[in-house]
C-alpha cells in the first residue's frame, strides 16, 4: 500500500505534465482577456461554510465530503468545490467595496469521496470563475461566451450548450407546490434519497440519475414554464444575448445542477465523447449565496470545469497538445578537467536563459550522446583537454547531424541567434 496512490488519486507524470501546463496557460490567457483576476483559496475550510453554501441536502455535503476534527475540535473539510471558498473570501476581505462586478478565477484541486470511474476522481483539478455584483443577464452571457471561446481556442468542437432557468425563491415556492402535488402519488416509486429530498428540497429530485426517478420526473411540471415575470425576462435576455453572439444553445428543462445555491440561469456544456459522465462543465447564477454566507445581498454567477474531463474530451477528439521545446544544448565532457569546465559552462548558459545539461553520473561519451538525444537536445558539444586548451569545439546539430567548429567564447551568442 505504501507504494500505491490512494484510490481516486492520480500522479501527473513528467511525460504528461506539458498537457496540464498548456491548459493552465490557456486558462490564464482567457481570464486575462475577459478581465478576471486569479484568487488562491485554502485547501480546507470550516465545514459549516459548505453546509450553508453548497447546501446540506446535496449529495456533496451528505455523502462526499472529506471532513475531520482538527486538534482544536473544530470541524474542517477539504474543499469539494471552489465557489463557497471564493464567496467566503469576497465577504472576509471586503470586496463589496471594490468597483463591481468583481471578477475572479481559480485553478484548484478539490476533493470528493465519489465512486471512481473514468473522468471522475476523488482528488480532481478544477478551473472556475466567479463574478459578483452584476444583476442583469449580460454577465451570464459573458460567462457562457468565455467558455465557448475557451473550447474554440483548444480546438474542441464536440461540446454543446444546454441552458435552463430555475427561477428565484418567489417563483420556486409556487413551483415546489405544483411539483410536490405531482410527486406525492409516486413516492413509492422514488429512490430513498429522493424520498428524503421530497420534504426538504423537492427540486433536487429532478436532478436524480436513478432510472426509476427519471421515469417519474420525465412528465413532471417544468420550472421554466412557471417563472415569475422578472425571471422570465432575465431568461429572455440571456437567450437574446447568446443569439447576438452566435452561440448555439438548447433549452433543457431538467438542468437544475447539483448544488442548492443556484438561482435563475443554470447551464452545462456536454460532450458525447466521454460516455455516461457527459457533462464537461457547468455553472449558473447564485444571487442569494453571499447573503446566506453572512454577507450583504449580492448577485453572483460562475462556472467550474474539471480539467481531467477536459483533457479526456481533447484526447477522444484527437487533439494533439504541443510539447515544449527540448534542451538547447548538451555538453559532453571527457575527464575531470573537462567536467569542471563543462560545469561552469552549463551554469553560464543557464544564466543567459538557455537550457543546458551535462552528464552527472560518469557515462561514457557514447552513452552521453545517447542521453543527449533522449533529452531532445538541439545541439551538443564534446569537451576534452584539447578543446579546452584550444578554446574551440565542434558544435553538432542533433537533428541534422551537421557539425561546425566554433570558438567556445561565442557559444552563447551563437545559441541565441
Protein backbone atom coordinates (compact mmCIF):
# COMPACT_ATOMS: atom_id res chain seq x y z
CA UNK A 1 0.00 0.00 0.00
CA UNK A 2 2.87 2.38 0.70
CA UNK A 3 3.84 2.35 -2.97
CA UNK A 4 0.31 2.85 -4.30
CA UNK A 5 -1.52 6.17 -4.54
CA UNK A 6 -4.83 6.25 -2.63
CA UNK A 7 -7.87 5.17 -4.65
CA UNK A 8 -9.27 8.04 -6.68
CA UNK A 9 -5.98 9.93 -6.93
CA UNK A 10 -3.52 10.03 -9.79
CA UNK A 11 0.07 11.16 -10.30
CA UNK A 12 0.66 13.60 -13.13
CA UNK A 13 3.96 12.37 -14.52
CA UNK A 14 6.67 14.40 -16.29
CA UNK A 15 5.69 12.73 -19.57
CA UNK A 16 2.21 14.30 -19.43
CA UNK A 17 2.72 17.47 -17.40
CA UNK A 18 3.06 19.54 -20.59
CA UNK A 19 -0.64 18.92 -21.29
CA UNK A 20 -1.62 20.41 -17.94
CA UNK A 21 0.76 23.34 -18.34
CA UNK A 22 -0.69 24.04 -21.77
CA UNK A 23 -4.25 24.10 -20.37
CA UNK A 24 -3.17 26.29 -17.44
CA UNK A 25 -1.50 28.75 -19.82
CA UNK A 26 -4.67 28.93 -21.95
CA UNK A 27 -6.75 29.48 -18.80
CA UNK A 28 -4.57 32.40 -17.70
CA UNK A 29 -4.73 33.96 -21.19
CA UNK A 30 -8.52 33.54 -21.39
CA UNK A 31 -9.11 35.09 -17.98
CA UNK A 32 -6.78 37.99 -18.75
CA UNK A 33 -8.69 38.68 -21.97
CA UNK A 34 -12.01 38.79 -20.08
CA UNK A 35 -10.67 40.80 -17.14
CA UNK A 36 -10.78 38.08 -14.47
CA UNK A 37 -8.15 38.14 -11.70
CA UNK A 38 -6.72 34.99 -10.10
CA UNK A 39 -7.56 34.17 -6.49
CA UNK A 40 -5.99 31.39 -4.39
CA UNK A 41 -8.08 29.98 -1.57
CA UNK A 42 -7.30 27.47 1.23
CA UNK A 43 -7.49 23.74 0.57
CA UNK A 44 -9.68 23.38 3.69
CA UNK A 45 -12.43 25.50 5.22
CA UNK A 46 -14.79 25.31 8.18
CA UNK A 47 -17.35 22.59 7.43
CA UNK A 48 -20.23 24.97 8.10
CA UNK A 49 -19.26 27.02 5.05
CA UNK A 50 -20.04 24.11 2.72
CA UNK A 51 -23.13 23.07 4.68
CA UNK A 52 -24.53 26.56 4.26
CA UNK A 53 -23.01 27.43 0.88
CA UNK A 54 -23.28 24.17 -1.06
CA UNK A 55 -26.45 23.06 0.74
CA UNK A 56 -26.89 20.44 3.45
CA UNK A 57 -29.34 18.45 1.28
CA UNK A 58 -26.83 17.96 -1.54
CA UNK A 59 -25.03 14.70 -2.24
CA UNK A 60 -21.75 16.57 -1.80
CA UNK A 61 -22.47 17.54 1.80
CA UNK A 62 -24.34 14.39 2.78
CA UNK A 63 -22.11 11.76 1.17
CA UNK A 64 -18.94 13.06 -0.44
CA UNK A 65 -17.02 15.48 1.77
CA UNK A 66 -13.71 14.72 3.49
CA UNK A 67 -14.44 16.09 6.97
CA UNK A 68 -12.41 15.80 10.18
CA UNK A 69 -11.92 17.41 13.58
CA UNK A 70 -8.68 19.34 14.00
CA UNK A 71 -6.73 19.42 17.28
CA UNK A 72 -8.96 22.24 18.49
CA UNK A 73 -12.04 20.05 17.89
CA UNK A 74 -13.15 22.29 15.01
CA UNK A 75 -14.90 20.59 12.10
CA UNK A 76 -12.79 21.10 8.97
CA UNK A 77 -13.50 19.96 5.39
CA UNK A 78 -11.26 19.63 2.35
CA UNK A 79 -12.84 21.84 -0.30
CA UNK A 80 -15.22 19.83 -2.55
CA UNK A 81 -15.59 22.80 -4.91
CA UNK A 82 -14.37 26.37 -5.28
CA UNK A 83 -17.36 28.72 -5.16
CA UNK A 84 -18.03 28.63 -1.41
CA UNK A 85 -14.40 29.45 -0.57
CA UNK A 86 -14.32 32.34 -3.04
CA UNK A 87 -17.58 33.69 -1.62
CA UNK A 88 -16.12 33.50 1.91
CA UNK A 89 -13.04 35.39 0.71
CA UNK A 90 -15.20 38.04 -1.01
CA UNK A 91 -17.01 38.68 2.28
CA UNK A 92 -14.00 38.44 4.61
CA UNK A 93 -11.79 40.72 2.53
CA UNK A 94 -14.38 43.43 1.95
CA UNK A 95 -14.51 43.03 -1.82
CA UNK A 96 -18.01 44.53 -1.83
CA UNK A 97 -16.28 47.92 -1.51
CA UNK A 98 -14.39 47.38 -4.78
CA UNK A 99 -15.78 48.51 -8.15
CA UNK A 100 -18.41 45.97 -9.18
CA UNK A 101 -18.56 43.47 -10.72
CA UNK A 102 -15.63 41.74 -9.05
CA UNK A 103 -14.43 39.07 -11.50
CA UNK A 104 -12.24 36.25 -10.16
CA UNK A 105 -10.89 32.91 -11.33
CA UNK A 106 -9.23 29.95 -9.64
CA UNK A 107 -7.38 26.81 -10.64
CA UNK A 108 -7.53 24.33 -7.76
CA UNK A 109 -7.55 20.74 -6.59
CA UNK A 110 -10.82 19.63 -4.98
CA UNK A 111 -11.82 16.54 -3.02
CA UNK A 112 -14.95 14.37 -3.04
CA UNK A 113 -15.47 10.80 -1.88
CA UNK A 114 -17.08 9.55 -5.10
CA UNK A 115 -17.31 6.27 -6.97
CA UNK A 116 -14.12 6.25 -9.02
CA UNK A 117 -14.53 5.88 -12.77
CA UNK A 118 -13.01 7.26 -15.94
CA UNK A 119 -13.05 11.04 -15.75
CA UNK A 120 -14.16 11.06 -12.10
CA UNK A 121 -11.64 11.07 -9.25
CA UNK A 122 -11.60 11.77 -5.52
CA UNK A 123 -8.89 14.35 -5.96
CA UNK A 124 -9.51 16.36 -9.11
CA UNK A 125 -8.48 19.61 -10.74
CA UNK A 126 -10.98 22.38 -11.31
CA UNK A 127 -10.87 25.70 -13.14
CA UNK A 128 -13.63 28.10 -12.23
CA UNK A 129 -14.68 31.73 -12.44
CA UNK A 130 -16.96 33.80 -10.23
CA UNK A 131 -18.41 37.26 -10.93
CA UNK A 132 -20.07 39.24 -8.13
CA UNK A 133 -22.21 42.38 -8.25
CA UNK A 134 -23.94 42.25 -11.66
CA UNK A 135 -27.70 41.69 -11.78
CA UNK A 136 -28.61 41.57 -15.46
CA UNK A 137 -28.24 38.76 -17.99
CA UNK A 138 -25.24 40.42 -19.69
CA UNK A 139 -22.82 38.86 -17.18
CA UNK A 140 -24.48 35.47 -17.74
CA UNK A 141 -23.83 35.86 -21.46
CA UNK A 142 -20.21 36.87 -20.81
CA UNK A 143 -19.59 33.85 -18.57
CA UNK A 144 -21.03 31.42 -21.14
CA UNK A 145 -19.22 33.11 -24.05
CA UNK A 146 -15.99 32.79 -22.08
CA UNK A 147 -16.40 29.01 -22.03
CA UNK A 148 -17.41 28.88 -25.67
CA UNK A 149 -14.26 30.79 -26.65
CA UNK A 150 -12.14 28.59 -24.37
CA UNK A 151 -13.32 25.46 -26.17
CA UNK A 152 -12.76 27.10 -29.55
CA UNK A 153 -9.19 28.06 -28.64
CA UNK A 154 -8.47 24.48 -27.57
CA UNK A 155 -9.92 23.14 -30.82
CA UNK A 156 -12.80 21.37 -29.06
CA UNK A 157 -15.86 21.20 -31.29
CA UNK A 158 -17.69 18.21 -29.80
CA UNK A 159 -19.41 20.09 -26.97
CA UNK A 160 -22.88 21.59 -26.90
CA UNK A 161 -24.51 24.14 -24.60
CA UNK A 162 -27.68 23.40 -22.62
CA UNK A 163 -29.39 26.16 -20.63
CA UNK A 164 -32.30 26.48 -18.22
CA UNK A 165 -33.73 28.82 -15.62
CA UNK A 166 -34.63 27.56 -12.15
CA UNK A 167 -36.15 30.86 -11.10
CA UNK A 168 -35.89 32.69 -7.79
CA UNK A 169 -37.25 31.90 -4.30
CA UNK A 170 -40.55 33.60 -5.20
CA UNK A 171 -41.47 31.58 -8.29
CA UNK A 172 -39.76 28.46 -6.98
CA UNK A 173 -42.01 28.37 -3.90
CA UNK A 174 -45.09 28.20 -6.09
CA UNK A 175 -43.46 25.69 -8.40
CA UNK A 176 -42.44 23.46 -5.50
CA UNK A 177 -46.11 23.15 -4.52
CA UNK A 178 -47.01 22.01 -8.05
CA UNK A 179 -44.06 19.62 -8.10
CA UNK A 180 -44.86 18.04 -4.72
CA UNK A 181 -48.52 17.65 -5.71
CA UNK A 182 -47.32 15.79 -8.81
CA UNK A 183 -44.75 13.66 -6.98
CA UNK A 184 -46.78 12.72 -3.89
CA UNK A 185 -48.76 9.88 -5.54
CA UNK A 186 -45.46 8.44 -6.84
CA UNK A 187 -43.35 8.49 -3.68
CA UNK A 188 -43.23 4.71 -3.53
CA UNK A 189 -41.55 4.70 -6.95
CA UNK A 190 -38.81 7.15 -5.96
CA UNK A 191 -35.42 6.11 -4.55
CA UNK A 192 -34.72 6.50 -0.82
CA UNK A 193 -32.62 9.63 -1.38
CA UNK A 194 -35.41 11.33 -3.33
CA UNK A 195 -37.96 10.43 -0.65
CA UNK A 196 -35.76 12.37 1.76
CA UNK A 197 -35.46 15.23 -0.72
CA UNK A 198 -39.24 15.37 -1.13
CA UNK A 199 -39.69 17.15 2.19
CA UNK A 200 -36.52 19.26 2.24
CA UNK A 201 -35.79 20.21 -1.39
CA UNK A 202 -38.10 18.59 -3.96
CA UNK A 203 -36.43 20.41 -6.87
CA UNK A 204 -33.36 18.20 -6.38
CA UNK A 205 -35.46 15.17 -7.38
CA UNK A 206 -35.37 16.48 -10.97
CA UNK A 207 -31.58 16.07 -10.81
CA UNK A 208 -31.67 12.40 -9.73
CA UNK A 209 -29.91 9.96 -12.08
CA UNK A 210 -31.77 6.83 -10.89
CA UNK A 211 -33.83 5.33 -13.73
CA UNK A 212 -36.91 4.88 -11.54
CA UNK A 213 -36.85 8.57 -10.59
CA UNK A 214 -36.12 9.75 -14.12
CA UNK A 215 -39.25 7.93 -15.36
CA UNK A 216 -41.37 9.81 -12.84
CA UNK A 217 -39.81 13.25 -13.37
CA UNK A 218 -39.96 12.99 -17.18
CA UNK A 219 -43.60 14.14 -17.06
CA UNK A 220 -43.25 16.50 -14.10
CA UNK A 221 -44.22 20.16 -14.49
CA UNK A 222 -41.27 22.24 -15.74
CA UNK A 223 -39.97 25.10 -13.62
CA UNK A 224 -39.12 27.09 -16.74
CA UNK A 225 -42.85 27.21 -17.53
CA UNK A 226 -43.65 28.60 -14.08
CA UNK A 227 -41.25 31.56 -13.82
CA UNK A 228 -42.20 34.93 -12.39
CA UNK A 229 -42.02 37.92 -14.74
CA UNK A 230 -38.58 39.01 -13.50
CA UNK A 231 -37.04 35.56 -14.01
CA UNK A 232 -38.79 35.15 -17.35
CA UNK A 233 -37.40 38.49 -18.58
CA UNK A 234 -33.93 37.55 -17.33
CA UNK A 235 -34.02 34.27 -19.26
CA UNK A 236 -35.24 36.03 -22.41
CA UNK A 237 -32.33 38.45 -22.05
CA UNK A 238 -29.91 35.53 -21.75
CA UNK A 239 -31.25 33.89 -24.89
CA UNK A 240 -31.13 37.15 -26.83
CA UNK A 241 -27.54 37.76 -25.71
CA UNK A 242 -26.39 34.31 -26.78
CA UNK A 243 -28.12 34.66 -30.13
CA UNK A 244 -26.48 38.05 -30.62
CA UNK A 245 -23.05 36.38 -30.24
CA UNK A 246 -23.98 33.48 -32.49
CA UNK A 247 -23.71 30.94 -29.65
CA UNK A 248 -25.97 27.94 -30.20
CA UNK A 249 -27.89 26.53 -27.25
CA UNK A 250 -30.58 24.02 -26.32
CA UNK A 251 -33.10 24.60 -23.53
CA UNK A 252 -33.03 21.62 -21.16
CA UNK A 253 -35.75 21.87 -18.51
CA UNK A 254 -34.11 19.11 -16.44
CA UNK A 255 -30.93 21.05 -15.65
CA UNK A 256 -31.12 22.09 -12.01
CA UNK A 257 -27.44 21.44 -11.10
CA UNK A 258 -26.39 19.53 -8.00
CA UNK A 259 -25.84 22.46 -5.65
CA UNK A 260 -28.54 24.24 -3.66
CA UNK A 261 -27.29 27.78 -4.20
CA UNK A 262 -28.32 28.24 -7.85
CA UNK A 263 -30.99 30.73 -8.98
CA UNK A 264 -32.24 31.80 -12.41
CA UNK A 265 -29.66 30.85 -15.07
CA UNK A 266 -28.13 27.38 -14.99
CA UNK A 267 -26.15 25.83 -17.83
CA UNK A 268 -23.98 22.90 -18.85
CA UNK A 269 -21.59 22.14 -21.67
CA UNK A 270 -21.88 18.45 -22.53
CA UNK A 271 -19.94 16.09 -24.76
CA UNK A 272 -20.99 12.77 -26.25
CA UNK A 273 -17.42 11.50 -26.46
CA UNK A 274 -16.80 10.90 -22.74
CA UNK A 275 -19.51 8.33 -22.09
CA UNK A 276 -22.05 8.46 -19.29
CA UNK A 277 -20.29 11.32 -17.49
CA UNK A 278 -21.09 13.65 -20.36
CA UNK A 279 -21.06 16.98 -18.51
CA UNK A 280 -17.75 18.73 -19.17
CA UNK A 281 -18.58 21.81 -17.12
CA UNK A 282 -21.50 23.61 -15.58
CA UNK A 283 -22.48 26.72 -13.74
CA UNK A 284 -25.12 29.27 -13.06
CA UNK A 285 -26.32 32.23 -11.07
CA UNK A 286 -26.45 32.27 -7.25
CA UNK A 287 -27.98 35.58 -6.20
CA UNK A 288 -28.64 34.54 -2.58
CA UNK A 289 -25.39 32.78 -1.74
CA UNK A 290 -23.34 35.70 -0.41
CA UNK A 291 -26.17 36.73 1.92
CA UNK A 292 -26.59 33.10 3.05
CA UNK A 293 -22.90 33.01 3.96
CA UNK A 294 -23.09 36.20 6.04
CA UNK A 295 -22.54 38.98 3.51
CA UNK A 296 -24.76 41.70 2.11
CA UNK A 297 -27.23 40.71 -0.64
CA UNK A 298 -25.06 40.50 -3.78
CA UNK A 299 -25.77 38.79 -7.09
CA UNK A 300 -23.25 36.27 -8.37
CA UNK A 301 -22.63 33.84 -11.19
CA UNK A 302 -19.90 31.36 -12.04
CA UNK A 303 -18.87 28.08 -13.58
CA UNK A 304 -16.44 25.25 -12.90
CA UNK A 305 -14.79 22.83 -15.30
CA UNK A 306 -12.98 19.61 -14.42
CA UNK A 307 -9.59 19.51 -16.10
CA UNK A 308 -9.44 15.70 -16.12
CA UNK A 309 -12.64 15.61 -18.16
CA UNK A 310 -11.47 18.44 -20.36
CA UNK A 311 -8.30 16.54 -21.23
CA UNK A 312 -10.36 13.40 -21.84
CA UNK A 313 -12.55 15.29 -24.33
CA UNK A 314 -9.45 16.57 -26.12
CA UNK A 315 -7.88 13.12 -26.22
CA UNK A 316 -11.06 11.48 -27.52
CA UNK A 317 -11.35 14.14 -30.21
CA UNK A 318 -7.74 13.51 -31.27
CA UNK A 319 -6.44 16.97 -30.35
CA UNK A 320 -2.65 16.97 -30.08
CA UNK A 321 -1.24 19.19 -27.35
CA UNK A 322 2.14 20.61 -28.42
CA UNK A 323 5.14 19.51 -26.39
CA UNK A 324 7.53 22.19 -25.14
CA UNK A 325 10.81 22.69 -26.96
CA UNK A 326 13.64 20.39 -25.95
CA UNK A 327 17.02 21.14 -24.44
CA UNK A 328 19.07 23.91 -26.09
CA UNK A 329 22.42 22.16 -25.65
CA UNK A 330 24.05 19.14 -24.01
CA UNK A 331 27.72 19.35 -23.09
CA UNK A 332 29.53 16.01 -23.06
CA UNK A 333 32.81 16.02 -21.15
CA UNK A 334 35.84 13.68 -21.01
CA UNK A 335 37.93 13.72 -17.82
CA UNK A 336 37.95 15.71 -14.59
CA UNK A 337 39.31 18.93 -16.10
CA UNK A 338 36.68 18.93 -18.84
CA UNK A 339 33.93 18.15 -16.35
CA UNK A 340 34.85 21.17 -14.24
CA UNK A 341 34.91 23.35 -17.35
CA UNK A 342 31.57 21.94 -18.54
CA UNK A 343 30.01 22.56 -15.13
CA UNK A 344 30.91 26.24 -15.33
CA UNK A 345 29.83 26.48 -18.96
CA UNK A 346 26.40 24.96 -18.21
CA UNK A 347 25.95 27.46 -15.37
CA UNK A 348 26.84 30.41 -17.63
CA UNK A 349 24.44 29.17 -20.32
CA UNK A 350 21.62 28.89 -17.79
CA UNK A 351 22.33 32.40 -16.50
CA UNK A 352 21.69 33.61 -20.06
CA UNK A 353 18.30 31.90 -20.16
CA UNK A 354 19.38 28.87 -22.19
CA UNK A 355 18.53 25.31 -21.18
CA UNK A 356 21.69 23.24 -20.78
CA UNK A 357 22.70 19.96 -19.21
CA UNK A 358 25.78 17.80 -18.72
CA UNK A 359 26.43 14.27 -17.54
CA UNK A 360 26.21 13.84 -13.76
CA UNK A 361 26.83 10.11 -13.32
CA UNK A 362 30.05 9.34 -15.24
CA UNK A 363 28.67 7.99 -18.52
CA UNK A 364 30.92 7.19 -21.46
CA UNK A 365 30.95 9.67 -24.36
CA UNK A 366 28.81 7.30 -26.43
CA UNK A 367 26.29 6.98 -23.59
CA UNK A 368 26.33 10.75 -23.05
CA UNK A 369 25.41 11.37 -26.68
CA UNK A 370 22.56 8.85 -26.48
CA UNK A 371 21.37 10.62 -23.35
CA UNK A 372 21.51 13.99 -25.14
CA UNK A 373 19.33 12.54 -27.89
CA UNK A 374 16.77 11.25 -25.37
CA UNK A 375 16.65 14.69 -23.76
CA UNK A 376 15.77 16.18 -27.15
CA UNK A 377 18.86 18.39 -27.20
CA UNK A 378 19.02 20.72 -30.19
CA UNK A 379 22.83 20.94 -30.08
CA UNK A 380 25.71 19.15 -28.39
CA UNK A 381 29.44 19.66 -27.98
CA UNK A 382 32.15 17.32 -26.72
CA UNK A 383 34.76 18.77 -24.38
CA UNK A 384 38.16 17.25 -23.65
CA UNK A 385 41.61 18.62 -22.80
CA UNK A 386 42.30 19.55 -26.45
CA UNK A 387 39.09 21.59 -26.76
CA UNK A 388 39.77 23.44 -23.51
CA UNK A 389 43.37 24.23 -24.46
CA UNK A 390 42.42 25.47 -27.95
CA UNK A 391 39.24 27.26 -26.86
CA UNK A 392 37.39 25.60 -29.73
CA UNK A 393 34.94 22.72 -30.02
CA UNK A 394 32.66 21.09 -32.57
CA UNK A 395 29.01 22.14 -32.27
CA UNK A 396 26.70 19.39 -33.53
CA UNK A 397 23.12 19.89 -34.69
CA UNK A 398 21.46 16.81 -33.19
CA UNK A 399 18.58 16.80 -35.67
CA UNK A 400 20.51 17.20 -38.94
CA UNK A 401 23.89 15.84 -37.86
CA UNK A 402 25.65 18.94 -39.22
CA UNK A 403 28.86 19.84 -37.35
CA UNK A 404 30.80 23.08 -37.18
CA UNK A 405 33.88 24.13 -35.24
CA UNK A 406 33.24 27.19 -33.10
CA UNK A 407 35.05 29.26 -30.51
CA UNK A 408 33.82 28.43 -27.02
CA UNK A 409 33.69 32.17 -26.30
CA UNK A 410 30.97 32.57 -28.97
CA UNK A 411 28.82 29.60 -27.90
CA UNK A 412 26.23 31.64 -26.02
CA UNK A 413 25.79 34.24 -28.77
CA UNK A 414 25.55 31.50 -31.41
CA UNK A 415 22.86 29.60 -29.48
CA UNK A 416 20.87 32.81 -29.04
CA UNK A 417 20.84 33.51 -32.78
